[in-house]
Amino acid sequence: MSARRIGPPPESVRALEVDGDISLYDRSSQRALMLNGTASAIWRLADGERTLDEVIAELASSYHADAGAIRTDVERTVRDLVDAGFLPA
């Protein structure tokens, strides 16, 4: 998974940002999802240009965290977004 690019979201997915948090809505499945601040940061980086490793590195730098310490949480969030249909597999 680490070498695969993350995103971009399907065209049916719309994102609305309110106070730094992002709400997602998929018109095709009529599903909605509210992301917390950390998941919102991951979503912003899931543009199809970055790999999972690059997303983790950018987040680690932004949050002054060890990349190894946040890897599992980032992987889980990306997997959850894929499983929910908000990011492509």
N, C-alpha and C. Protein backbone atom coordinates (compact mmCIF):
# COMPACT_ATOMS: atom_id res chain seq x y z
N MET A 1 0.82 -1.20 0.00
CA MET A 1 0.00 0.00 0.00
C MET A 1 0.86 1.25 0.00
N SER A 2 2.07 1.22 0.55
CA SER A 2 2.86 2.42 0.75
C SER A 2 3.33 3.06 -0.56
N ALA A 3 3.52 2.28 -1.64
CA ALA A 3 3.98 2.84 -2.90
C ALA A 3 2.82 3.29 -3.79
N ARG A 4 1.63 2.87 -3.45
CA ARG A 4 0.44 3.22 -4.24
C ARG A 4 0.02 4.66 -3.95
N ARG A 5 -0.37 5.36 -4.97
CA ARG A 5 -0.86 6.73 -4.78
C ARG A 5 -2.23 6.69 -4.11
N ILE A 6 -2.48 7.66 -3.26
CA ILE A 6 -3.73 7.73 -2.50
C ILE A 6 -4.63 8.77 -3.15
N GLY A 7 -5.83 8.34 -3.60
CA GLY A 7 -6.76 9.24 -4.25
C GLY A 7 -6.52 9.26 -5.74
N PRO A 8 -7.12 10.21 -6.41
CA PRO A 8 -8.08 11.19 -5.90
C PRO A 8 -9.44 10.55 -5.68
N PRO A 9 -10.31 11.26 -4.97
CA PRO A 9 -11.65 10.71 -4.72
C PRO A 9 -12.45 10.61 -6.02
N PRO A 10 -13.45 9.73 -6.03
CA PRO A 10 -14.34 9.65 -7.19
C PRO A 10 -15.05 10.98 -7.42
N GLU A 11 -15.45 11.23 -8.66
CA GLU A 11 -16.13 12.48 -8.99
C GLU A 11 -17.46 12.66 -8.25
N SER A 12 -18.05 11.56 -7.80
CA SER A 12 -19.33 11.64 -7.09
C SER A 12 -19.18 12.14 -5.65
N VAL A 13 -17.94 12.23 -5.16
CA VAL A 13 -17.70 12.64 -3.78
C VAL A 13 -17.48 14.15 -3.71
N ARG A 14 -18.21 14.76 -2.80
CA ARG A 14 -18.07 16.20 -2.54
C ARG A 14 -17.59 16.39 -1.13
N ALA A 15 -16.73 17.38 -0.94
CA ALA A 15 -16.19 17.69 0.39
C ALA A 15 -16.58 19.11 0.75
N LEU A 16 -16.98 19.29 1.99
CA LEU A 16 -17.33 20.61 2.52
C LEU A 16 -16.53 20.81 3.79
N GLU A 17 -15.76 21.89 3.84
CA GLU A 17 -14.95 22.16 5.02
C GLU A 17 -15.62 23.22 5.89
N VAL A 18 -15.77 22.90 7.17
CA VAL A 18 -16.35 23.82 8.15
C VAL A 18 -15.44 23.82 9.37
N ASP A 19 -14.91 24.98 9.70
CA ASP A 19 -14.04 25.13 10.87
C ASP A 19 -12.89 24.13 10.89
N GLY A 20 -12.30 23.85 9.73
CA GLY A 20 -11.14 22.98 9.65
C GLY A 20 -11.44 21.50 9.52
N ASP A 21 -12.67 21.09 9.75
CA ASP A 21 -13.06 19.69 9.59
C ASP A 21 -13.82 19.53 8.28
N ILE A 22 -13.70 18.37 7.69
CA ILE A 22 -14.30 18.12 6.39
C ILE A 22 -15.44 17.12 6.53
N SER A 23 -16.55 17.44 5.85
CA SER A 23 -17.68 16.52 5.71
C SER A 23 -17.68 16.04 4.27
N LEU A 24 -17.87 14.74 4.09
CA LEU A 24 -17.90 14.15 2.76
C LEU A 24 -19.30 13.65 2.44
N TYR A 25 -19.66 13.76 1.17
CA TYR A 25 -20.93 13.22 0.71
C TYR A 25 -20.69 12.56 -0.65
N ASP A 26 -21.12 11.33 -0.78
CA ASP A 26 -21.01 10.60 -2.05
C ASP A 26 -22.40 10.53 -2.66
N ARG A 27 -22.56 11.24 -3.77
CA ARG A 27 -23.88 11.28 -4.43
C ARG A 27 -24.31 9.91 -4.93
N SER A 28 -23.35 9.09 -5.38
CA SER A 28 -23.74 7.80 -5.95
C SER A 28 -24.27 6.83 -4.90
N SER A 29 -23.69 6.85 -3.72
CA SER A 29 -24.15 5.93 -2.66
C SER A 29 -25.05 6.63 -1.64
N GLN A 30 -25.13 7.95 -1.73
CA GLN A 30 -25.88 8.79 -0.79
C GLN A 30 -25.38 8.60 0.64
N ARG A 31 -24.07 8.37 0.78
CA ARG A 31 -23.45 8.23 2.10
C ARG A 31 -22.75 9.53 2.46
N ALA A 32 -22.77 9.82 3.74
CA ALA A 32 -22.08 11.00 4.26
C ALA A 32 -21.14 10.57 5.37
N LEU A 33 -20.08 11.36 5.55
CA LEU A 33 -19.09 11.05 6.57
C LEU A 33 -18.48 12.35 7.06
N MET A 34 -18.40 12.52 8.37
CA MET A 34 -17.76 13.69 8.98
C MET A 34 -16.38 13.28 9.45
N LEU A 35 -15.36 13.97 8.99
CA LEU A 35 -13.99 13.67 9.36
C LEU A 35 -13.53 14.56 10.51
N ASN A 36 -12.75 14.01 11.41
CA ASN A 36 -12.16 14.84 12.46
C ASN A 36 -10.96 15.58 11.87
N GLY A 37 -10.27 16.35 12.68
CA GLY A 37 -9.17 17.17 12.20
C GLY A 37 -8.05 16.37 11.56
N THR A 38 -7.66 15.27 12.18
CA THR A 38 -6.58 14.46 11.65
C THR A 38 -7.00 13.77 10.36
N ALA A 39 -8.19 13.21 10.32
CA ALA A 39 -8.67 12.57 9.09
C ALA A 39 -8.84 13.60 7.98
N SER A 40 -9.22 14.82 8.35
CA SER A 40 -9.34 15.90 7.37
C SER A 40 -7.98 16.22 6.76
N ALA A 41 -6.93 16.22 7.58
CA ALA A 41 -5.58 16.47 7.08
C ALA A 41 -5.16 15.37 6.10
N ILE A 42 -5.50 14.13 6.41
CA ILE A 42 -5.19 13.02 5.51
C ILE A 42 -5.96 13.20 4.20
N TRP A 43 -7.23 13.54 4.29
CA TRP A 43 -8.08 13.74 3.11
C TRP A 43 -7.48 14.80 2.18
N ARG A 44 -7.02 15.89 2.73
CA ARG A 44 -6.46 16.97 1.92
C ARG A 44 -5.24 16.50 1.12
N LEU A 45 -4.52 15.54 1.65
CA LEU A 45 -3.32 15.04 0.98
C LEU A 45 -3.61 13.89 0.01
N ALA A 46 -4.82 13.36 0.04
CA ALA A 46 -5.21 12.22 -0.80
C ALA A 46 -5.67 12.72 -2.17
N ASP A 47 -4.73 13.34 -2.90
CA ASP A 47 -5.07 13.98 -4.16
C ASP A 47 -4.67 13.18 -5.39
N GLY A 48 -4.16 11.97 -5.18
CA GLY A 48 -3.73 11.14 -6.29
C GLY A 48 -2.30 11.42 -6.72
N GLU A 49 -1.68 12.41 -6.14
CA GLU A 49 -0.30 12.76 -6.46
C GLU A 49 0.69 12.17 -5.48
N ARG A 50 0.25 11.85 -4.28
CA ARG A 50 1.13 11.38 -3.22
C ARG A 50 0.91 9.90 -2.92
N THR A 51 1.99 9.23 -2.54
CA THR A 51 1.89 7.85 -2.08
C THR A 51 1.57 7.88 -0.59
N LEU A 52 1.24 6.72 -0.05
CA LEU A 52 0.98 6.62 1.38
C LEU A 52 2.20 7.08 2.17
N ASP A 53 3.39 6.66 1.76
CA ASP A 53 4.60 7.07 2.47
C ASP A 53 4.77 8.59 2.45
N GLU A 54 4.46 9.22 1.33
CA GLU A 54 4.57 10.68 1.24
C GLU A 54 3.54 11.37 2.13
N VAL A 55 2.33 10.82 2.17
CA VAL A 55 1.30 11.38 3.06
C VAL A 55 1.76 11.30 4.51
N ILE A 56 2.27 10.14 4.89
CA ILE A 56 2.75 9.95 6.26
C ILE A 56 3.89 10.91 6.57
N ALA A 57 4.82 11.06 5.65
CA ALA A 57 5.96 11.96 5.87
C ALA A 57 5.49 13.41 6.03
N GLU A 58 4.54 13.84 5.20
CA GLU A 58 4.04 15.22 5.31
C GLU A 58 3.31 15.43 6.63
N LEU A 59 2.51 14.47 7.03
CA LEU A 59 1.80 14.60 8.30
C LEU A 59 2.76 14.59 9.48
N ALA A 60 3.75 13.72 9.43
CA ALA A 60 4.74 13.65 10.50
C ALA A 60 5.46 14.99 10.64
N SER A 61 5.79 15.58 9.52
CA SER A 61 6.46 16.88 9.55
C SER A 61 5.53 17.97 10.09
N SER A 62 4.30 17.97 9.63
CA SER A 62 3.33 18.99 10.06
C SER A 62 3.02 18.91 11.55
N TYR A 63 2.91 17.67 12.05
CA TYR A 63 2.53 17.47 13.45
C TYR A 63 3.75 17.25 14.36
N HIS A 64 4.95 17.36 13.78
CA HIS A 64 6.18 17.13 14.55
C HIS A 64 6.12 15.78 15.27
N ALA A 65 5.76 14.76 14.50
CA ALA A 65 5.60 13.41 15.04
C ALA A 65 6.54 12.46 14.30
N ASP A 66 6.79 11.33 14.91
CA ASP A 66 7.58 10.28 14.29
C ASP A 66 6.71 9.56 13.26
N ALA A 67 7.21 9.42 12.03
CA ALA A 67 6.44 8.78 10.97
C ALA A 67 6.02 7.36 11.35
N GLY A 68 6.90 6.64 12.01
CA GLY A 68 6.57 5.28 12.43
C GLY A 68 5.45 5.24 13.44
N ALA A 69 5.39 6.26 14.28
CA ALA A 69 4.36 6.30 15.32
C ALA A 69 2.97 6.58 14.76
N ILE A 70 2.89 7.29 13.62
CA ILE A 70 1.57 7.63 13.08
C ILE A 70 1.15 6.73 11.93
N ARG A 71 2.07 5.91 11.44
CA ARG A 71 1.79 5.08 10.25
C ARG A 71 0.52 4.25 10.39
N THR A 72 0.35 3.54 11.49
CA THR A 72 -0.81 2.65 11.65
C THR A 72 -2.11 3.45 11.60
N ASP A 73 -2.14 4.60 12.26
CA ASP A 73 -3.36 5.42 12.25
C ASP A 73 -3.67 5.96 10.86
N VAL A 74 -2.65 6.40 10.13
CA VAL A 74 -2.86 6.91 8.78
C VAL A 74 -3.33 5.78 7.86
N GLU A 75 -2.68 4.63 7.94
CA GLU A 75 -3.10 3.48 7.12
C GLU A 75 -4.54 3.10 7.41
N ARG A 76 -4.92 3.07 8.69
CA ARG A 76 -6.29 2.71 9.06
C ARG A 76 -7.29 3.74 8.50
N THR A 77 -6.96 5.01 8.61
CA THR A 77 -7.87 6.06 8.10
C THR A 77 -8.04 5.94 6.60
N VAL A 78 -6.95 5.74 5.88
CA VAL A 78 -7.03 5.58 4.42
C VAL A 78 -7.85 4.33 4.08
N ARG A 79 -7.60 3.24 4.78
CA ARG A 79 -8.37 2.00 4.55
C ARG A 79 -9.85 2.23 4.80
N ASP A 80 -10.18 2.94 5.88
CA ASP A 80 -11.59 3.23 6.19
C ASP A 80 -12.23 4.07 5.08
N LEU A 81 -11.50 5.06 4.56
CA LEU A 81 -12.03 5.90 3.48
C LEU A 81 -12.23 5.09 2.21
N VAL A 82 -11.31 4.17 1.94
CA VAL A 82 -11.46 3.28 0.77
C VAL A 82 -12.65 2.35 0.97
N ASP A 83 -12.73 1.72 2.15
CA ASP A 83 -13.82 0.78 2.42
C ASP A 83 -15.19 1.46 2.36
N ALA A 84 -15.25 2.73 2.74
CA ALA A 84 -16.51 3.47 2.71
C ALA A 84 -16.83 4.03 1.32
N GLY A 85 -15.88 3.88 0.37
CA GLY A 85 -16.12 4.32 -1.01
C GLY A 85 -15.76 5.77 -1.28
N PHE A 86 -15.12 6.43 -0.33
CA PHE A 86 -14.77 7.83 -0.53
C PHE A 86 -13.41 8.01 -1.22
N LEU A 87 -12.61 6.95 -1.26
CA LEU A 87 -11.36 6.93 -2.02
C LEU A 87 -11.33 5.64 -2.83
N PRO A 88 -10.68 5.67 -4.00
CA PRO A 88 -10.61 4.44 -4.81
C PRO A 88 -9.69 3.40 -4.18
N ALA A 89 -9.99 2.16 -4.45
CA ALA A 89 -9.16 1.04 -3.94
C ALA A 89 -7.86 0.95 -4.68
